[in-house]
Amino acid sequence: MTIPKVIEEVGFDFDWEPQEVWALDYPTEVMELQRLAWHFDLPFWNDGEKWYALKPIDVANFPEQYAKEYERTMQADLAYPIDIMENKGRYVILDGLHRLLKAKLLGLERVDVRVIPRSEIPNLSKS
């Protein structure tokens, strides 16, 4: 699968396994949702036919049209923090984009996050 240039440009220049991220032991902190809101405007999700074709903001704006992703978003458990990593001057989400969108839809202004340092990349990479 080819990653679109727009996704690569935001800093996803490595592959990772979500399970490896979940296993890390980093503290949870609170962050303003707005600092991560830029993720809503990029096509991170598949549209049922192809990857990198659906923006989270489209799911928020057209829940009937994207019912599967909307349902997945609303089922997301906000008890778990959003895992992020600083890269290229901003935070990128490693795991938790559905949780972030749910928080936005619920009108939350802050979210729980875990900041994962870049030094962990070798421990997260897909084999």
N, C-alpha and C. Protein backbone atom coordinates (compact mmCIF):
# COMPACT_ATOMS: atom_id res chain seq x y z
N MET A 1 0.85 -1.17 0.00
CA MET A 1 0.00 0.00 0.00
C MET A 1 0.90 1.24 0.00
N THR A 2 0.61 2.16 -0.88
CA THR A 2 1.37 3.39 -0.98
C THR A 2 0.77 4.45 -0.07
N ILE A 3 1.61 5.04 0.75
CA ILE A 3 1.16 6.11 1.65
C ILE A 3 1.19 7.41 0.87
N PRO A 4 0.08 8.15 0.86
CA PRO A 4 0.04 9.42 0.13
C PRO A 4 1.06 10.41 0.67
N LYS A 5 1.55 11.24 -0.20
CA LYS A 5 2.55 12.24 0.17
C LYS A 5 2.07 13.13 1.31
N VAL A 6 0.80 13.52 1.31
CA VAL A 6 0.26 14.39 2.34
C VAL A 6 0.37 13.74 3.72
N ILE A 7 0.27 12.42 3.79
CA ILE A 7 0.41 11.72 5.07
C ILE A 7 1.88 11.61 5.44
N GLU A 8 2.72 11.28 4.50
CA GLU A 8 4.16 11.20 4.77
C GLU A 8 4.71 12.55 5.25
N GLU A 9 4.21 13.62 4.66
CA GLU A 9 4.72 14.96 4.99
C GLU A 9 4.46 15.36 6.43
N VAL A 10 3.42 14.82 7.06
CA VAL A 10 3.13 15.19 8.44
C VAL A 10 3.99 14.41 9.43
N GLY A 11 4.76 13.47 8.94
CA GLY A 11 5.71 12.82 9.82
C GLY A 11 5.59 11.34 10.00
N PHE A 12 4.74 10.70 9.25
CA PHE A 12 4.63 9.26 9.38
C PHE A 12 5.66 8.59 8.48
N ASP A 13 6.91 8.68 8.94
CA ASP A 13 8.01 8.15 8.15
C ASP A 13 8.52 6.83 8.72
N PHE A 14 7.68 6.16 9.51
CA PHE A 14 8.01 4.86 10.06
C PHE A 14 6.71 4.08 10.28
N ASP A 15 6.82 2.76 10.33
CA ASP A 15 5.67 1.91 10.61
C ASP A 15 5.71 1.51 12.07
N TRP A 16 4.53 1.25 12.65
CA TRP A 16 4.48 0.83 14.04
C TRP A 16 3.30 -0.10 14.25
N GLU A 17 3.38 -0.86 15.32
CA GLU A 17 2.32 -1.76 15.73
C GLU A 17 1.59 -1.13 16.92
N PRO A 18 0.29 -0.94 16.83
CA PRO A 18 -0.44 -0.34 17.96
C PRO A 18 -0.22 -1.10 19.27
N GLN A 19 -0.15 -2.42 19.21
CA GLN A 19 0.03 -3.20 20.43
C GLN A 19 1.34 -2.85 21.13
N GLU A 20 2.36 -2.53 20.35
CA GLU A 20 3.65 -2.14 20.94
C GLU A 20 3.54 -0.78 21.61
N VAL A 21 2.73 0.11 21.05
CA VAL A 21 2.50 1.42 21.66
C VAL A 21 1.75 1.24 22.97
N TRP A 22 0.71 0.43 22.96
CA TRP A 22 -0.10 0.21 24.16
C TRP A 22 0.73 -0.33 25.31
N ALA A 23 1.75 -1.14 25.00
CA ALA A 23 2.56 -1.79 26.03
C ALA A 23 3.52 -0.83 26.74
N LEU A 24 3.73 0.35 26.18
CA LEU A 24 4.67 1.30 26.78
C LEU A 24 4.09 1.90 28.06
N ASP A 25 4.97 2.23 28.97
CA ASP A 25 4.56 2.79 30.25
C ASP A 25 4.97 4.27 30.33
N TYR A 26 4.05 5.13 29.89
CA TYR A 26 4.26 6.58 29.97
C TYR A 26 3.06 7.20 30.66
N PRO A 27 3.28 8.29 31.37
CA PRO A 27 2.18 8.91 32.11
C PRO A 27 1.16 9.56 31.18
N THR A 28 -0.04 9.66 31.68
CA THR A 28 -1.12 10.35 30.98
C THR A 28 -1.12 11.81 31.40
N GLU A 29 -1.32 12.69 30.44
CA GLU A 29 -1.45 14.11 30.72
C GLU A 29 -2.63 14.66 29.93
N VAL A 30 -3.00 15.86 30.22
CA VAL A 30 -4.14 16.49 29.55
C VAL A 30 -3.63 17.48 28.51
N MET A 31 -4.27 17.48 27.34
CA MET A 31 -3.88 18.38 26.25
C MET A 31 -5.14 19.00 25.66
N GLU A 32 -5.00 20.22 25.20
CA GLU A 32 -6.10 20.87 24.49
C GLU A 32 -6.37 20.11 23.20
N LEU A 33 -7.61 19.74 22.98
CA LEU A 33 -8.00 19.01 21.77
C LEU A 33 -7.56 19.76 20.51
N GLN A 34 -7.64 21.06 20.55
CA GLN A 34 -7.32 21.88 19.37
C GLN A 34 -5.90 21.63 18.86
N ARG A 35 -4.97 21.26 19.74
CA ARG A 35 -3.59 21.00 19.31
C ARG A 35 -3.49 19.79 18.39
N LEU A 36 -4.49 18.92 18.43
CA LEU A 36 -4.49 17.72 17.60
C LEU A 36 -5.53 17.76 16.48
N ALA A 37 -6.32 18.83 16.45
CA ALA A 37 -7.45 18.92 15.51
C ALA A 37 -7.03 18.90 14.04
N TRP A 38 -5.79 19.22 13.74
CA TRP A 38 -5.35 19.21 12.34
C TRP A 38 -5.50 17.82 11.72
N HIS A 39 -5.51 16.77 12.54
CA HIS A 39 -5.69 15.41 12.04
C HIS A 39 -7.02 15.21 11.32
N PHE A 40 -8.03 16.00 11.70
CA PHE A 40 -9.37 15.81 11.13
C PHE A 40 -9.42 16.11 9.63
N ASP A 41 -8.48 16.87 9.14
CA ASP A 41 -8.51 17.32 7.74
C ASP A 41 -7.66 16.48 6.79
N LEU A 42 -7.12 15.39 7.26
CA LEU A 42 -6.29 14.54 6.40
C LEU A 42 -6.94 13.17 6.24
N PRO A 43 -6.77 12.55 5.07
CA PRO A 43 -7.44 11.27 4.78
C PRO A 43 -6.71 10.06 5.39
N PHE A 44 -6.84 9.90 6.69
CA PHE A 44 -6.17 8.79 7.38
C PHE A 44 -6.91 7.46 7.25
N TRP A 45 -8.21 7.49 7.00
CA TRP A 45 -9.02 6.28 7.05
C TRP A 45 -9.38 5.76 5.67
N ASN A 46 -9.81 4.49 5.63
CA ASN A 46 -10.27 3.93 4.35
C ASN A 46 -11.77 4.19 4.22
N ASP A 47 -12.22 4.22 3.00
CA ASP A 47 -13.63 4.51 2.71
C ASP A 47 -14.42 3.23 2.41
N GLY A 48 -13.83 2.10 2.76
CA GLY A 48 -14.45 0.81 2.47
C GLY A 48 -13.91 0.19 1.20
N GLU A 49 -13.29 1.00 0.37
CA GLU A 49 -12.73 0.50 -0.88
C GLU A 49 -11.22 0.71 -0.95
N LYS A 50 -10.75 1.87 -0.50
CA LYS A 50 -9.31 2.11 -0.55
C LYS A 50 -8.85 2.88 0.69
N TRP A 51 -7.58 2.66 1.01
CA TRP A 51 -6.97 3.33 2.15
C TRP A 51 -6.67 4.78 1.82
N TYR A 52 -6.58 5.58 2.87
CA TYR A 52 -6.23 6.99 2.77
C TYR A 52 -7.18 7.74 1.84
N ALA A 53 -8.47 7.48 2.05
CA ALA A 53 -9.49 8.10 1.20
C ALA A 53 -10.54 8.87 1.99
N LEU A 54 -10.50 8.79 3.33
CA LEU A 54 -11.56 9.38 4.13
C LEU A 54 -10.97 10.22 5.27
N LYS A 55 -11.46 11.45 5.35
CA LYS A 55 -11.04 12.37 6.41
C LYS A 55 -11.99 12.25 7.60
N PRO A 56 -11.45 12.29 8.82
CA PRO A 56 -12.34 12.26 9.99
C PRO A 56 -13.39 13.38 9.98
N ILE A 57 -13.06 14.54 9.47
CA ILE A 57 -14.03 15.64 9.44
C ILE A 57 -15.22 15.28 8.56
N ASP A 58 -15.00 14.47 7.51
CA ASP A 58 -16.11 14.04 6.66
C ASP A 58 -17.04 13.09 7.43
N VAL A 59 -16.47 12.25 8.28
CA VAL A 59 -17.28 11.37 9.11
C VAL A 59 -18.13 12.21 10.07
N ALA A 60 -17.52 13.23 10.65
CA ALA A 60 -18.25 14.11 11.57
C ALA A 60 -19.36 14.86 10.86
N ASN A 61 -19.11 15.33 9.65
CA ASN A 61 -20.07 16.14 8.91
C ASN A 61 -21.15 15.33 8.20
N PHE A 62 -20.84 14.08 7.88
CA PHE A 62 -21.77 13.23 7.13
C PHE A 62 -21.88 11.85 7.77
N PRO A 63 -22.36 11.79 9.01
CA PRO A 63 -22.39 10.50 9.72
C PRO A 63 -23.24 9.43 9.03
N GLU A 64 -24.30 9.82 8.34
CA GLU A 64 -25.11 8.82 7.65
C GLU A 64 -24.37 8.22 6.47
N GLN A 65 -23.63 9.05 5.77
CA GLN A 65 -22.89 8.57 4.60
C GLN A 65 -21.73 7.65 5.01
N TYR A 66 -21.14 7.92 6.15
CA TYR A 66 -20.00 7.14 6.64
C TYR A 66 -20.37 6.45 7.95
N ALA A 67 -21.49 5.77 7.93
CA ALA A 67 -22.07 5.19 9.14
C ALA A 67 -21.13 4.23 9.86
N LYS A 68 -20.38 3.45 9.12
CA LYS A 68 -19.48 2.47 9.74
C LYS A 68 -18.41 3.18 10.57
N GLU A 69 -17.76 4.17 10.00
CA GLU A 69 -16.72 4.90 10.74
C GLU A 69 -17.32 5.75 11.85
N TYR A 70 -18.51 6.28 11.63
CA TYR A 70 -19.16 7.06 12.67
C TYR A 70 -19.48 6.16 13.87
N GLU A 71 -20.00 4.99 13.60
CA GLU A 71 -20.31 4.05 14.68
C GLU A 71 -19.04 3.65 15.42
N ARG A 72 -17.99 3.37 14.66
CA ARG A 72 -16.71 3.02 15.28
C ARG A 72 -16.21 4.17 16.16
N THR A 73 -16.38 5.39 15.68
CA THR A 73 -15.99 6.57 16.45
C THR A 73 -16.77 6.66 17.75
N MET A 74 -18.07 6.50 17.66
CA MET A 74 -18.90 6.65 18.85
C MET A 74 -18.74 5.49 19.84
N GLN A 75 -18.21 4.37 19.38
CA GLN A 75 -17.92 3.24 20.26
C GLN A 75 -16.53 3.36 20.91
N ALA A 76 -15.72 4.30 20.45
CA ALA A 76 -14.37 4.47 20.99
C ALA A 76 -14.45 4.78 22.48
N ASP A 77 -13.53 4.21 23.24
CA ASP A 77 -13.53 4.33 24.69
C ASP A 77 -12.58 5.45 25.13
N LEU A 78 -13.16 6.54 25.61
CA LEU A 78 -12.38 7.69 26.03
C LEU A 78 -11.64 7.46 27.35
N ALA A 79 -11.82 6.29 27.95
CA ALA A 79 -11.05 5.96 29.16
C ALA A 79 -9.58 5.74 28.83
N TYR A 80 -9.29 5.46 27.56
CA TYR A 80 -7.91 5.25 27.13
C TYR A 80 -7.35 6.55 26.56
N PRO A 81 -6.10 6.88 26.90
CA PRO A 81 -5.51 8.11 26.36
C PRO A 81 -5.16 7.96 24.89
N ILE A 82 -4.99 9.08 24.24
CA ILE A 82 -4.54 9.13 22.85
C ILE A 82 -3.02 9.11 22.87
N ASP A 83 -2.42 8.19 22.13
CA ASP A 83 -0.97 8.09 22.09
C ASP A 83 -0.44 8.97 20.97
N ILE A 84 0.46 9.88 21.34
CA ILE A 84 0.99 10.84 20.38
C ILE A 84 2.51 10.87 20.45
N MET A 85 3.11 11.42 19.40
CA MET A 85 4.56 11.58 19.34
C MET A 85 4.86 12.91 18.67
N GLU A 86 5.80 13.64 19.22
CA GLU A 86 6.19 14.90 18.59
C GLU A 86 7.03 14.60 17.37
N ASN A 87 6.70 15.24 16.27
CA ASN A 87 7.43 15.03 15.03
C ASN A 87 7.22 16.23 14.13
N LYS A 88 8.31 16.74 13.61
CA LYS A 88 8.28 17.87 12.68
C LYS A 88 7.52 19.06 13.26
N GLY A 89 7.72 19.30 14.55
CA GLY A 89 7.18 20.48 15.18
C GLY A 89 5.74 20.41 15.67
N ARG A 90 5.14 19.23 15.58
CA ARG A 90 3.78 19.08 16.12
C ARG A 90 3.57 17.63 16.54
N TYR A 91 2.48 17.42 17.23
CA TYR A 91 2.17 16.08 17.70
C TYR A 91 1.37 15.32 16.65
N VAL A 92 1.79 14.06 16.43
CA VAL A 92 1.06 13.17 15.52
C VAL A 92 0.48 12.03 16.35
N ILE A 93 -0.69 11.58 15.98
CA ILE A 93 -1.36 10.50 16.70
C ILE A 93 -0.85 9.15 16.23
N LEU A 94 -0.38 8.35 17.17
CA LEU A 94 0.00 6.97 16.89
C LEU A 94 -1.21 6.04 17.05
N ASP A 95 -2.05 6.35 18.04
CA ASP A 95 -3.24 5.56 18.28
C ASP A 95 -4.26 6.45 18.98
N GLY A 96 -5.49 6.48 18.44
CA GLY A 96 -6.54 7.22 19.12
C GLY A 96 -7.28 8.24 18.29
N LEU A 97 -7.19 8.17 16.97
CA LEU A 97 -7.87 9.15 16.14
C LEU A 97 -9.40 9.06 16.29
N HIS A 98 -9.94 7.87 16.41
CA HIS A 98 -11.39 7.74 16.64
C HIS A 98 -11.77 8.35 17.99
N ARG A 99 -10.93 8.15 19.01
CA ARG A 99 -11.21 8.74 20.31
C ARG A 99 -11.16 10.27 20.24
N LEU A 100 -10.21 10.80 19.48
CA LEU A 100 -10.12 12.26 19.34
C LEU A 100 -11.37 12.81 18.66
N LEU A 101 -11.83 12.14 17.60
CA LEU A 101 -13.03 12.61 16.92
C LEU A 101 -14.25 12.50 17.83
N LYS A 102 -14.35 11.44 18.60
CA LYS A 102 -15.47 11.31 19.54
C LYS A 102 -15.44 12.46 20.54
N ALA A 103 -14.27 12.78 21.06
CA ALA A 103 -14.16 13.88 22.01
C ALA A 103 -14.64 15.18 21.39
N LYS A 104 -14.29 15.40 20.13
CA LYS A 104 -14.74 16.61 19.43
C LYS A 104 -16.27 16.60 19.30
N LEU A 105 -16.82 15.47 18.89
CA LEU A 105 -18.26 15.37 18.69
C LEU A 105 -19.04 15.55 20.00
N LEU A 106 -18.41 15.19 21.11
CA LEU A 106 -19.02 15.36 22.42
C LEU A 106 -18.81 16.77 22.99
N GLY A 107 -18.05 17.58 22.27
CA GLY A 107 -17.82 18.95 22.71
C GLY A 107 -16.73 19.11 23.75
N LEU A 108 -15.88 18.11 23.90
CA LEU A 108 -14.79 18.21 24.87
C LEU A 108 -13.70 19.14 24.36
N GLU A 109 -13.09 19.86 25.25
CA GLU A 109 -12.02 20.78 24.88
C GLU A 109 -10.64 20.22 25.19
N ARG A 110 -10.57 19.21 26.06
CA ARG A 110 -9.31 18.61 26.44
C ARG A 110 -9.43 17.09 26.33
N VAL A 111 -8.29 16.46 26.07
CA VAL A 111 -8.23 15.01 25.98
C VAL A 111 -7.02 14.50 26.76
N ASP A 112 -7.12 13.27 27.20
CA ASP A 112 -5.98 12.62 27.84
C ASP A 112 -5.06 12.08 26.74
N VAL A 113 -3.77 12.30 26.93
CA VAL A 113 -2.78 11.82 25.96
C VAL A 113 -1.60 11.18 26.70
N ARG A 114 -0.88 10.38 25.97
CA ARG A 114 0.43 9.89 26.41
C ARG A 114 1.41 10.32 25.34
N VAL A 115 2.43 11.06 25.73
CA VAL A 115 3.45 11.52 24.79
C VAL A 115 4.55 10.46 24.75
N ILE A 116 4.68 9.84 23.59
CA ILE A 116 5.67 8.79 23.38
C ILE A 116 6.90 9.43 22.73
N PRO A 117 8.08 9.30 23.32
CA PRO A 117 9.27 9.91 22.72
C PRO A 117 9.71 9.18 21.45
N ARG A 118 10.32 9.93 20.55
CA ARG A 118 10.82 9.34 19.30
C ARG A 118 11.85 8.24 19.55
N SER A 119 12.50 8.28 20.69
CA SER A 119 13.50 7.25 21.01
C SER A 119 12.87 5.85 21.08
N GLU A 120 11.54 5.78 21.18
CA GLU A 120 10.84 4.49 21.22
C GLU A 120 10.59 3.90 19.85
N ILE A 121 10.82 4.63 18.78
CA ILE A 121 10.52 4.13 17.43
C ILE A 121 11.08 2.73 17.17
N PRO A 122 12.32 2.45 17.52
CA PRO A 122 12.82 1.09 17.27
C PRO A 122 12.03 0.00 17.99
N ASN A 123 11.38 0.36 19.09
CA ASN A 123 10.60 -0.63 19.85
C ASN A 123 9.17 -0.77 19.32
N LEU A 124 8.80 0.09 18.40
CA LEU A 124 7.42 0.08 17.88
C LEU A 124 7.30 -0.45 16.47
N SER A 125 8.39 -0.52 15.77
CA SER A 125 8.37 -0.81 14.35
C SER A 125 7.85 -2.20 14.04
N LYS A 126 7.13 -2.26 12.91
CA LYS A 126 6.65 -3.55 12.42
C LYS A 126 7.84 -4.37 11.97
N SER A 127 7.77 -5.65 12.22
CA SER A 127 8.87 -6.55 11.82
C SER A 127 8.76 -6.94 10.39
